[in-house]
Amino acid sequence: MEKTDRFLRLELQLEPLLPAREVAVAYLNGCGFAMFEEKSNGLAAFAREEEWNEQGMQAVITELQTMADVEVHTEFIESENWNIQWELHYNPIDVEGQIMMRAPFHPKSDFDIDVIIQPEMSFGTGHHPTTWQMMRCLLNLELKGKTVLDIGCGTGALAITASKLGAKMVVAFDLDEWSYQNTLANCKRNGLSGEIQVMLGNIKSLEEQLGVYDVVLANINLNVLKTEVPMYSKHLVPGGRIAFSGFYTSDVPAMKVAAESAGLQCVAQSDREDWACLLFVKTAISA
C-alpha cells in the first residue's frame, strides 16, 4: 500500500493507569502504532494510516477493558498538521544540565551540547524516558575518538549527540523511510551532514556494509532486541560498550538473559518512569 499523508492519533484515558498503559504500548506496537506519548492519565499513540490495523486496535482496547475503565478518542491528522500539534506541547529537554535537546524554533542554549531535533513523526525527541536515559548514558561514556553505531535511529538524536560528544565516526540506520529522511534532515540542522553516515535498512539487510564499533546504541523494543542482540554483538569490538533501552524495568531480567547469551555482561542499569536502560560490555567473541 502506498504511503499517505495522514496519521491516526489514538488517545486512551485509563483508570487505573497501570498496568493498562504498559499493556497498551506492548500490544499497539503490533498494530502499526510506532510512536507513543505517555500521559499522566493514559497514552497517545500514532500510526500511519496505511499501517494501522483497526481490528487489532479494537482487540487491544477490548483487552484493556478487562483491567481498566477505558475512554477512547481517535482522529486522523494530516502530515502538515503534525508539526503544528507537537510544537504546541514541545519543550526543550535538559539532560543532566549538559545536553539541551530543542526544536529549531527554540533559542540556542548555552549548554555544552546543543541538539536540534524536529521529529516529523519519528521516535526520539528526548521526552520519552528511554531516549532521555540513552542520552544520559552517552554522557557517561568516553566517546572522544570512538566509533559509534546507532541502531533504529529514529530522529537521529542519539547519533547526533554521540557526534557532538566527540565520536570520530558515527553510523546510524533505520528500517523506516520516514526516520531515515528525518535523521538526514536533523543531521543537516546540526551542521553534521557528511559527518554521520545514515543508512536505510535493518541489521540483516545492512550486515555486510557494517563494520565493528566501539559503542553500539539500540533503543527499540524488547522483542526486537532479544531477537537481534546476537547480531548487534557481532558488530561490537571486544571490550566495547552497548546500551539498550525501549523496555520496561520489569523486562530487565529477560533482556539480561538474552544479552548474556550473546557474550555481553551488564555493567550499569538506570530506571525512569518504569522504563529501563542497560549498559553492557562485550566479554566474549560472538559466534
C-alpha atoms as a PDB file:
ATOM      1  CA  MET A   1       0.000   0.000   0.000  1.00  0.00           C
ATOM      2  CA  GLU A   2       1.289   3.458  -0.867  1.00  0.00           C
ATOM      3  CA  LYS A   3       2.187   5.805   1.940  1.00  0.00           C
ATOM      4  CA  THR A   4      -0.358   8.505   2.656  1.00  0.00           C
ATOM      5  CA  ASP A   5      -0.074  11.903   4.261  1.00  0.00           C
ATOM      6  CA  ARG A   6      -2.329  11.061   7.188  1.00  0.00           C
ATOM      7  CA  PHE A   7      -1.721   9.618  10.625  1.00  0.00           C
ATOM      8  CA  LEU A   8      -4.109   8.136  13.149  1.00  0.00           C
ATOM      9  CA  ARG A   9      -3.894   9.542  16.653  1.00  0.00           C
ATOM     10  CA  LEU A  10      -5.345   7.244  19.303  1.00  0.00           C
ATOM     11  CA  GLU A  11      -5.766   8.651  22.797  1.00  0.00           C
ATOM     12  CA  LEU A  12      -6.587   6.337  25.684  1.00  0.00           C
ATOM     13  CA  GLN A  13      -7.606   7.512  29.138  1.00  0.00           C
ATOM     14  CA  LEU A  14      -7.089   4.681  31.614  1.00  0.00           C
ATOM     15  CA  GLU A  15      -8.261   4.242  35.206  1.00  0.00           C
ATOM     16  CA  PRO A  16      -6.365   2.748  36.902  1.00  0.00           C
ATOM     17  CA  LEU A  17      -3.340   3.741  34.840  1.00  0.00           C
ATOM     18  CA  LEU A  18      -1.193   0.666  35.453  1.00  0.00           C
ATOM     19  CA  PRO A  19      -0.708  -1.990  34.259  1.00  0.00           C
ATOM     20  CA  ALA A  20      -3.072  -0.993  31.436  1.00  0.00           C
ATOM     21  CA  ARG A  21      -0.712   1.604  29.940  1.00  0.00           C
ATOM     22  CA  GLU A  22       2.164  -0.877  29.753  1.00  0.00           C
ATOM     23  CA  VAL A  23      -0.080  -3.460  28.105  1.00  0.00           C
ATOM     24  CA  ALA A  24      -1.351  -0.866  25.612  1.00  0.00           C
ATOM     25  CA  VAL A  25       2.156   0.084  24.469  1.00  0.00           C
ATOM     26  CA  ALA A  26       3.218  -3.546  24.086  1.00  0.00           C
ATOM     27  CA  TYR A  27       0.142  -4.601  22.114  1.00  0.00           C
ATOM     28  CA  LEU A  28      -0.393  -1.483  19.991  1.00  0.00           C
ATOM     29  CA  ASN A  29       3.164  -1.788  18.740  1.00  0.00           C
ATOM     30  CA  GLY A  30       1.969  -4.849  16.842  1.00  0.00           C
ATOM     31  CA  CYS A  31      -0.968  -2.987  15.285  1.00  0.00           C
ATOM     32  CA  GLY A  32       1.019  -0.424  13.314  1.00  0.00           C
ATOM     33  CA  PHE A  33       1.492   2.152  16.069  1.00  0.00           C
ATOM     34  CA  ALA A  34       5.108   3.314  16.099  1.00  0.00           C
ATOM     35  CA  MET A  35       5.149   6.414  18.302  1.00  0.00           C
ATOM     36  CA  PHE A  36       3.789   6.792  21.819  1.00  0.00           C
ATOM     37  CA  GLU A  37       3.342   9.704  24.190  1.00  0.00           C
ATOM     38  CA  GLU A  38       2.763   8.690  27.785  1.00  0.00           C
ATOM     39  CA  LYS A  39       0.380  10.887  29.747  1.00  0.00           C
ATOM     40  CA  SER A  40      -0.447  11.075  33.439  1.00  0.00           C
ATOM     41  CA  ASN A  41      -3.892   9.590  32.781  1.00  0.00           C
ATOM     42  CA  GLY A  42      -3.183   7.357  29.818  1.00  0.00           C
ATOM     43  CA  LEU A  43      -1.498   7.289  26.448  1.00  0.00           C
ATOM     44  CA  ALA A  44      -1.468   8.802  22.971  1.00  0.00           C
ATOM     45  CA  ALA A  45      -0.366   6.537  20.123  1.00  0.00           C
ATOM     46  CA  PHE A  46       0.309   7.359  16.466  1.00  0.00           C
ATOM     47  CA  ALA A  47       0.205   5.205  13.328  1.00  0.00           C
ATOM     48  CA  ARG A  48       0.416   5.915   9.624  1.00  0.00           C
ATOM     49  CA  GLU A  49      -2.977   5.458   8.010  1.00  0.00           C
ATOM     50  CA  GLU A  50      -1.827   2.639   5.723  1.00  0.00           C
ATOM     51  CA  GLU A  51      -0.116   0.767   8.576  1.00  0.00           C
ATOM     52  CA  TRP A  52      -2.978   0.962  11.059  1.00  0.00           C
ATOM     53  CA  ASN A  53      -4.679  -2.342  11.902  1.00  0.00           C
ATOM     54  CA  GLU A  54      -8.200  -1.406  13.047  1.00  0.00           C
ATOM     55  CA  GLN A  55      -9.193  -4.933  14.028  1.00  0.00           C
ATOM     56  CA  GLY A  56      -6.026  -5.338  16.054  1.00  0.00           C
ATOM     57  CA  MET A  57      -6.551  -1.969  17.746  1.00  0.00           C
ATOM     58  CA  GLN A  58     -10.090  -2.902  18.748  1.00  0.00           C
ATOM     59  CA  ALA A  59      -8.825  -6.199  20.176  1.00  0.00           C
ATOM     60  CA  VAL A  60      -6.290  -4.295  22.290  1.00  0.00           C
ATOM     61  CA  ILE A  61      -8.998  -1.945  23.579  1.00  0.00           C
ATOM     62  CA  THR A  62     -11.186  -4.929  24.495  1.00  0.00           C
ATOM     63  CA  GLU A  63      -8.281  -6.466  26.405  1.00  0.00           C
ATOM     64  CA  LEU A  64      -7.612  -3.185  28.229  1.00  0.00           C
ATOM     65  CA  GLN A  65     -11.246  -3.002  29.312  1.00  0.00           C
ATOM     66  CA  THR A  66     -10.703  -6.150  31.377  1.00  0.00           C
ATOM     67  CA  MET A  67      -8.232  -4.293  33.581  1.00  0.00           C
ATOM     68  CA  ALA A  68      -9.315  -0.637  33.493  1.00  0.00           C
ATOM     69  CA  ASP A  69     -12.014   1.855  32.602  1.00  0.00           C
ATOM     70  CA  VAL A  70     -11.055   2.970  29.105  1.00  0.00           C
ATOM     71  CA  GLU A  71     -12.032   6.167  27.302  1.00  0.00           C
ATOM     72  CA  VAL A  72     -11.077   6.214  23.620  1.00  0.00           C
ATOM     73  CA  HIS A  73     -10.590   9.158  21.260  1.00  0.00           C
ATOM     74  CA  THR A  74      -9.327   8.850  17.674  1.00  0.00           C
ATOM     75  CA  GLU A  75      -8.597  11.364  14.942  1.00  0.00           C
ATOM     76  CA  PHE A  76      -6.733  11.479  11.662  1.00  0.00           C
ATOM     77  CA  ILE A  77      -4.004  14.115  11.363  1.00  0.00           C
ATOM     78  CA  GLU A  78      -2.752  15.452   8.053  1.00  0.00           C
ATOM     79  CA  SER A  79       1.048  15.361   7.876  1.00  0.00           C
ATOM     80  CA  GLU A  80       1.292  19.131   7.533  1.00  0.00           C
ATOM     81  CA  ASN A  81      -0.604  19.471  10.815  1.00  0.00           C
ATOM     82  CA  TRP A  82       1.712  17.136  12.722  1.00  0.00           C
ATOM     83  CA  ASN A  83       4.380  19.758  13.371  1.00  0.00           C
ATOM     84  CA  ILE A  84       1.724  22.232  14.498  1.00  0.00           C
ATOM     85  CA  GLN A  85       0.454  19.731  17.064  1.00  0.00           C
ATOM     86  CA  TRP A  86       3.793  18.839  18.579  1.00  0.00           C
ATOM     87  CA  GLU A  87       5.059  22.411  18.595  1.00  0.00           C
ATOM     88  CA  LEU A  88       2.179  23.323  20.889  1.00  0.00           C
ATOM     89  CA  HIS A  89       3.468  20.866  23.511  1.00  0.00           C
ATOM     90  CA  TYR A  90       7.184  20.553  22.766  1.00  0.00           C
ATOM     91  CA  ASN A  91       9.528  21.972  25.403  1.00  0.00           C
ATOM     92  CA  PRO A  92      13.336  21.819  25.406  1.00  0.00           C
ATOM     93  CA  ILE A  93      14.795  18.799  27.215  1.00  0.00           C
ATOM     94  CA  ASP A  94      17.574  19.143  29.792  1.00  0.00           C
ATOM     95  CA  VAL A  95      19.772  16.064  30.215  1.00  0.00           C
ATOM     96  CA  GLU A  96      21.796  16.422  33.413  1.00  0.00           C
ATOM     97  CA  GLY A  97      22.485  20.103  32.750  1.00  0.00           C
ATOM     98  CA  GLN A  98      24.883  19.151  29.943  1.00  0.00           C
ATOM     99  CA  ILE A  99      22.739  18.347  26.902  1.00  0.00           C
ATOM    100  CA  MET A 100      19.899  20.532  25.676  1.00  0.00           C
ATOM    101  CA  MET A 101      17.617  18.928  23.115  1.00  0.00           C
ATOM    102  CA  ARG A 102      15.426  21.524  21.465  1.00  0.00           C
ATOM    103  CA  ALA A 103      13.371  22.230  18.377  1.00  0.00           C
ATOM    104  CA  PRO A 104      14.520  24.612  15.626  1.00  0.00           C
ATOM    105  CA  PHE A 105      12.125  27.300  16.877  1.00  0.00           C
ATOM    106  CA  HIS A 106      13.663  27.344  20.377  1.00  0.00           C
ATOM    107  CA  PRO A 107      16.515  29.801  21.082  1.00  0.00           C
ATOM    108  CA  LYS A 108      20.058  28.402  21.116  1.00  0.00           C
ATOM    109  CA  SER A 109      21.073  27.146  24.539  1.00  0.00           C
ATOM    110  CA  ASP A 110      24.347  27.705  26.391  1.00  0.00           C
ATOM    111  CA  PHE A 111      24.619  24.019  27.298  1.00  0.00           C
ATOM    112  CA  ASP A 112      27.804  22.141  26.395  1.00  0.00           C
ATOM    113  CA  ILE A 113      25.865  20.040  23.880  1.00  0.00           C
ATOM    114  CA  ASP A 114      23.063  21.695  21.896  1.00  0.00           C
ATOM    115  CA  VAL A 115      20.990  19.197  19.873  1.00  0.00           C
ATOM    116  CA  ILE A 116      18.335  20.420  17.425  1.00  0.00           C
ATOM    117  CA  ILE A 117      15.610  17.900  16.633  1.00  0.00           C
ATOM    118  CA  GLN A 118      12.454  18.160  14.567  1.00  0.00           C
ATOM    119  CA  PRO A 119      10.762  14.755  14.872  1.00  0.00           C
ATOM    120  CA  GLU A 120       8.330  14.725  11.916  1.00  0.00           C
ATOM    121  CA  MET A 121       6.662  11.507  13.168  1.00  0.00           C
ATOM    122  CA  SER A 122       9.926   9.790  14.092  1.00  0.00           C
ATOM    123  CA  PHE A 123      10.659   8.487  17.586  1.00  0.00           C
ATOM    124  CA  GLY A 124      13.272  10.202  19.742  1.00  0.00           C
ATOM    125  CA  THR A 125      12.631  13.735  20.972  1.00  0.00           C
ATOM    126  CA  GLY A 126      14.103  13.282  24.442  1.00  0.00           C
ATOM    127  CA  HIS A 127      10.705  13.473  26.094  1.00  0.00           C
ATOM    128  CA  HIS A 128      10.370   9.706  26.328  1.00  0.00           C
ATOM    129  CA  PRO A 129      12.192   8.185  29.323  1.00  0.00           C
ATOM    130  CA  THR A 130      14.094   5.754  27.091  1.00  0.00           C
ATOM    131  CA  THR A 131      15.607   8.456  24.862  1.00  0.00           C
ATOM    132  CA  TRP A 132      16.483  10.589  27.891  1.00  0.00           C
ATOM    133  CA  GLN A 133      18.228   7.676  29.612  1.00  0.00           C
ATOM    134  CA  MET A 134      20.162   6.736  26.488  1.00  0.00           C
ATOM    135  CA  MET A 135      21.406  10.315  26.194  1.00  0.00           C
ATOM    136  CA  ARG A 136      22.456  10.328  29.830  1.00  0.00           C
ATOM    137  CA  CYS A 137      24.248   7.037  29.212  1.00  0.00           C
ATOM    138  CA  LEU A 138      26.199   8.700  26.387  1.00  0.00           C
ATOM    139  CA  LEU A 139      27.389  11.335  28.854  1.00  0.00           C
ATOM    140  CA  ASN A 140      28.911   8.597  30.996  1.00  0.00           C
ATOM    141  CA  LEU A 141      30.816   7.021  28.106  1.00  0.00           C
ATOM    142  CA  GLU A 142      34.119   8.411  26.882  1.00  0.00           C
ATOM    143  CA  LEU A 143      33.224   8.877  23.220  1.00  0.00           C
ATOM    144  CA  LYS A 144      36.128  11.007  22.021  1.00  0.00           C
ATOM    145  CA  GLY A 145      37.873   9.172  19.211  1.00  0.00           C
ATOM    146  CA  LYS A 146      35.411   6.274  19.348  1.00  0.00           C
ATOM    147  CA  THR A 147      33.257   4.702  16.633  1.00  0.00           C
ATOM    148  CA  VAL A 148      29.508   4.502  17.269  1.00  0.00           C
ATOM    149  CA  LEU A 149      26.633   2.553  15.681  1.00  0.00           C
ATOM    150  CA  ASP A 150      23.053   3.767  16.303  1.00  0.00           C
ATOM    151  CA  ILE A 151      20.540   1.004  15.510  1.00  0.00           C
ATOM    152  CA  GLY A 152      16.971   2.155  14.816  1.00  0.00           C
ATOM    153  CA  CYS A 153      17.992   5.809  14.853  1.00  0.00           C
ATOM    154  CA  GLY A 154      14.508   7.382  14.685  1.00  0.00           C
ATOM    155  CA  THR A 155      15.145  11.139  14.682  1.00  0.00           C
ATOM    156  CA  GLY A 156      18.918  10.681  14.819  1.00  0.00           C
ATOM    157  CA  ALA A 157      19.049  12.232  18.289  1.00  0.00           C
ATOM    158  CA  LEU A 158      21.463   9.676  19.738  1.00  0.00           C
ATOM    159  CA  ALA A 159      23.738   9.652  16.696  1.00  0.00           C
ATOM    160  CA  ILE A 160      23.883  13.456  16.675  1.00  0.00           C
ATOM    161  CA  THR A 161      24.601  13.574  20.404  1.00  0.00           C
ATOM    162  CA  ALA A 162      27.372  10.984  20.058  1.00  0.00           C
ATOM    163  CA  SER A 163      28.976  13.005  17.274  1.00  0.00           C
ATOM    164  CA  LYS A 164      28.827  16.199  19.332  1.00  0.00           C
ATOM    165  CA  LEU A 165      30.386  14.344  22.262  1.00  0.00           C
ATOM    166  CA  GLY A 166      33.460  13.676  20.134  1.00  0.00           C
ATOM    167  CA  ALA A 167      32.916  10.327  18.426  1.00  0.00           C
ATOM    168  CA  LYS A 168      35.229  10.121  15.420  1.00  0.00           C
ATOM    169  CA  MET A 169      32.765   8.109  13.324  1.00  0.00           C
ATOM    170  CA  VAL A 170      29.017   7.601  13.708  1.00  0.00           C
ATOM    171  CA  VAL A 171      26.843   5.286  11.622  1.00  0.00           C
ATOM    172  CA  ALA A 172      23.054   5.332  12.024  1.00  0.00           C
ATOM    173  CA  PHE A 173      20.336   3.342  10.335  1.00  0.00           C
ATOM    174  CA  ASP A 174      16.599   2.755  10.477  1.00  0.00           C
ATOM    175  CA  LEU A 175      14.224   0.456   8.623  1.00  0.00           C
ATOM    176  CA  ASP A 176      11.638   3.231   8.384  1.00  0.00           C
ATOM    177  CA  GLU A 177      11.925   5.569   5.374  1.00  0.00           C
ATOM    178  CA  TRP A 178      10.448   8.475   7.328  1.00  0.00           C
ATOM    179  CA  SER A 179      13.011   8.068  10.114  1.00  0.00           C
ATOM    180  CA  TYR A 180      15.841   7.772   7.595  1.00  0.00           C
ATOM    181  CA  GLN A 181      14.861  11.050   5.938  1.00  0.00           C
ATOM    182  CA  ASN A 182      14.260  12.725   9.299  1.00  0.00           C
ATOM    183  CA  THR A 183      17.712  11.727  10.547  1.00  0.00           C
ATOM    184  CA  LEU A 184      19.320  13.161   7.413  1.00  0.00           C
ATOM    185  CA  ALA A 185      17.409  16.421   7.917  1.00  0.00           C
ATOM    186  CA  ASN A 186      18.321  16.633  11.602  1.00  0.00           C
ATOM    187  CA  CYS A 187      21.994  15.992  10.836  1.00  0.00           C
ATOM    188  CA  LYS A 188      21.850  18.970   8.481  1.00  0.00           C
ATOM    189  CA  ARG A 189      20.140  21.100  11.152  1.00  0.00           C
ATOM    190  CA  ASN A 190      23.034  20.332  13.488  1.00  0.00           C
ATOM    191  CA  GLY A 191      25.744  21.023  10.924  1.00  0.00           C
ATOM    192  CA  LEU A 192      26.661  17.350  10.692  1.00  0.00           C
ATOM    193  CA  SER A 193      25.776  16.489   7.097  1.00  0.00           C
ATOM    194  CA  GLY A 194      28.515  14.176   5.888  1.00  0.00           C
ATOM    195  CA  GLU A 195      29.772  13.633   9.433  1.00  0.00           C
ATOM    196  CA  ILE A 196      27.217  10.934  10.237  1.00  0.00           C
ATOM    197  CA  GLN A 197      26.613   8.072   7.811  1.00  0.00           C
ATOM    198  CA  VAL A 198      22.868   7.427   7.634  1.00  0.00           C
ATOM    199  CA  MET A 199      21.526   4.257   6.021  1.00  0.00           C
ATOM    200  CA  LEU A 200      18.105   2.780   5.277  1.00  0.00           C
ATOM    201  CA  GLY A 201      17.600  -0.833   6.312  1.00  0.00           C
ATOM    202  CA  ASN A 202      17.903  -3.192   9.267  1.00  0.00           C
ATOM    203  CA  ILE A 203      20.708  -5.162  10.866  1.00  0.00           C
ATOM    204  CA  LYS A 204      20.167  -8.088   8.476  1.00  0.00           C
ATOM    205  CA  SER A 205      19.993  -6.167   5.210  1.00  0.00           C
ATOM    206  CA  LEU A 206      22.954  -3.943   6.113  1.00  0.00           C
ATOM    207  CA  GLU A 207      25.143  -6.565   7.773  1.00  0.00           C
ATOM    208  CA  GLU A 208      27.755  -6.680   5.015  1.00  0.00           C
ATOM    209  CA  GLN A 209      28.035  -2.873   4.962  1.00  0.00           C
ATOM    210  CA  LEU A 210      28.582  -2.548   8.692  1.00  0.00           C
ATOM    211  CA  GLY A 211      31.912  -2.884  10.455  1.00  0.00           C
ATOM    212  CA  VAL A 212      32.698  -3.245  14.139  1.00  0.00           C
ATOM    213  CA  TYR A 213      32.285  -0.374  16.571  1.00  0.00           C
ATOM    214  CA  ASP A 214      33.440   0.739  19.997  1.00  0.00           C
ATOM    215  CA  VAL A 215      29.911   1.678  21.066  1.00  0.00           C
ATOM    216  CA  VAL A 216      26.532   0.372  19.886  1.00  0.00           C
ATOM    217  CA  LEU A 217      23.198   2.014  20.745  1.00  0.00           C
ATOM    218  CA  ALA A 218      19.798   0.344  20.380  1.00  0.00           C
ATOM    219  CA  ASN A 219      16.622   1.972  21.697  1.00  0.00           C
ATOM    220  CA  ILE A 220      13.957  -0.228  20.117  1.00  0.00           C
ATOM    221  CA  ASN A 221      11.621  -2.701  21.848  1.00  0.00           C
ATOM    222  CA  LEU A 222      12.128  -5.833  23.874  1.00  0.00           C
ATOM    223  CA  ASN A 223      11.149  -8.411  21.254  1.00  0.00           C
ATOM    224  CA  VAL A 224      13.390  -6.935  18.565  1.00  0.00           C
ATOM    225  CA  LEU A 225      16.289  -6.527  20.983  1.00  0.00           C
ATOM    226  CA  LYS A 226      16.057 -10.107  22.260  1.00  0.00           C
ATOM    227  CA  THR A 227      15.930 -11.474  18.714  1.00  0.00           C
ATOM    228  CA  GLU A 228      18.691  -9.344  17.225  1.00  0.00           C
ATOM    229  CA  VAL A 229      21.148  -8.939  20.111  1.00  0.00           C
ATOM    230  CA  PRO A 230      23.482 -11.692  18.772  1.00  0.00           C
ATOM    231  CA  MET A 231      23.813  -9.715  15.524  1.00  0.00           C
ATOM    232  CA  TYR A 232      24.437  -6.487  17.421  1.00  0.00           C
ATOM    233  CA  SER A 233      27.189  -8.172  19.416  1.00  0.00           C
ATOM    234  CA  LYS A 234      28.957  -9.210  16.207  1.00  0.00           C
ATOM    235  CA  HIS A 235      29.382  -5.539  15.335  1.00  0.00           C
ATOM    236  CA  LEU A 236      30.879  -4.617  18.724  1.00  0.00           C
ATOM    237  CA  VAL A 237      34.620  -4.768  19.409  1.00  0.00           C
ATOM    238  CA  PRO A 238      35.777  -6.938  22.336  1.00  0.00           C
ATOM    239  CA  GLY A 239      35.563  -4.748  25.424  1.00  0.00           C
ATOM    240  CA  GLY A 240      33.156  -2.406  23.645  1.00  0.00           C
ATOM    241  CA  ARG A 241      30.002  -0.961  25.207  1.00  0.00           C
ATOM    242  CA  ILE A 242      26.427  -1.488  24.062  1.00  0.00           C
ATOM    243  CA  ALA A 243      23.430   0.366  25.519  1.00  0.00           C
ATOM    244  CA  PHE A 244      19.862  -0.909  25.292  1.00  0.00           C
ATOM    245  CA  SER A 245      16.539   0.736  26.079  1.00  0.00           C
ATOM    246  CA  GLY A 246      12.950   0.582  24.883  1.00  0.00           C
ATOM    247  CA  PHE A 247      11.622  -1.848  27.504  1.00  0.00           C
ATOM    248  CA  TYR A 248      10.135  -1.731  30.972  1.00  0.00           C
ATOM    249  CA  THR A 249      12.012  -2.270  34.218  1.00  0.00           C
ATOM    250  CA  SER A 250      10.028  -5.487  34.668  1.00  0.00           C
ATOM    251  CA  ASP A 251      11.602  -6.782  31.433  1.00  0.00           C
ATOM    252  CA  VAL A 252      15.190  -6.293  32.616  1.00  0.00           C
ATOM    253  CA  PRO A 253      15.758  -9.955  33.632  1.00  0.00           C
ATOM    254  CA  ALA A 254      14.673 -11.207  30.191  1.00  0.00           C
ATOM    255  CA  MET A 255      16.864  -8.640  28.448  1.00  0.00           C
ATOM    256  CA  LYS A 256      19.865  -9.590  30.563  1.00  0.00           C
ATOM    257  CA  VAL A 257      19.456 -13.281  29.745  1.00  0.00           C
ATOM    258  CA  ALA A 258      19.329 -12.558  26.009  1.00  0.00           C
ATOM    259  CA  ALA A 259      22.331 -10.230  26.137  1.00  0.00           C
ATOM    260  CA  GLU A 260      24.443 -12.521  28.303  1.00  0.00           C
ATOM    261  CA  SER A 261      23.866 -15.377  25.854  1.00  0.00           C
ATOM    262  CA  ALA A 262      25.427 -13.120  23.196  1.00  0.00           C
ATOM    263  CA  GLY A 263      28.626 -12.625  25.194  1.00  0.00           C
ATOM    264  CA  LEU A 264      27.611  -9.404  26.944  1.00  0.00           C
ATOM    265  CA  GLN A 265      27.904  -8.527  30.632  1.00  0.00           C
ATOM    266  CA  CYS A 266      25.699  -5.900  32.275  1.00  0.00           C
ATOM    267  CA  VAL A 267      27.718  -3.145  33.943  1.00  0.00           C
ATOM    268  CA  ALA A 268      25.081  -0.467  34.609  1.00  0.00           C
ATOM    269  CA  GLN A 269      21.320  -0.010  34.855  1.00  0.00           C
ATOM    270  CA  SER A 270      19.085   3.043  35.158  1.00  0.00           C
ATOM    271  CA  ASP A 271      15.322   3.397  35.503  1.00  0.00           C
ATOM    272  CA  ARG A 272      12.976   6.284  34.788  1.00  0.00           C
ATOM    273  CA  GLU A 273       9.187   6.178  34.949  1.00  0.00           C
ATOM    274  CA  ASP A 274       9.158   2.355  34.799  1.00  0.00           C
ATOM    275  CA  TRP A 275      11.413   2.302  31.705  1.00  0.00           C
ATOM    276  CA  ALA A 276      14.905   0.815  31.872  1.00  0.00           C
ATOM    277  CA  CYS A 277      18.269   1.396  30.227  1.00  0.00           C
ATOM    278  CA  LEU A 278      21.030  -1.210  30.399  1.00  0.00           C
ATOM    279  CA  LEU A 279      24.720  -0.864  29.576  1.00  0.00           C
ATOM    280  CA  PHE A 280      26.721  -3.974  28.678  1.00  0.00           C
ATOM    281  CA  VAL A 281      30.353  -4.701  27.898  1.00  0.00           C
ATOM    282  CA  LYS A 282      31.372  -7.362  25.384  1.00  0.00           C
ATOM    283  CA  THR A 283      33.326 -10.027  27.218  1.00  0.00           C
ATOM    284  CA  ALA A 284      33.287 -12.852  24.667  1.00  0.00           C
ATOM    285  CA  ILE A 285      33.758 -13.219  20.924  1.00  0.00           C
ATOM    286  CA  SER A 286      30.424 -13.597  19.113  1.00  0.00           C
ATOM    287  CA  ALA A 287      29.830 -16.748  17.132  1.00  0.00           C
END
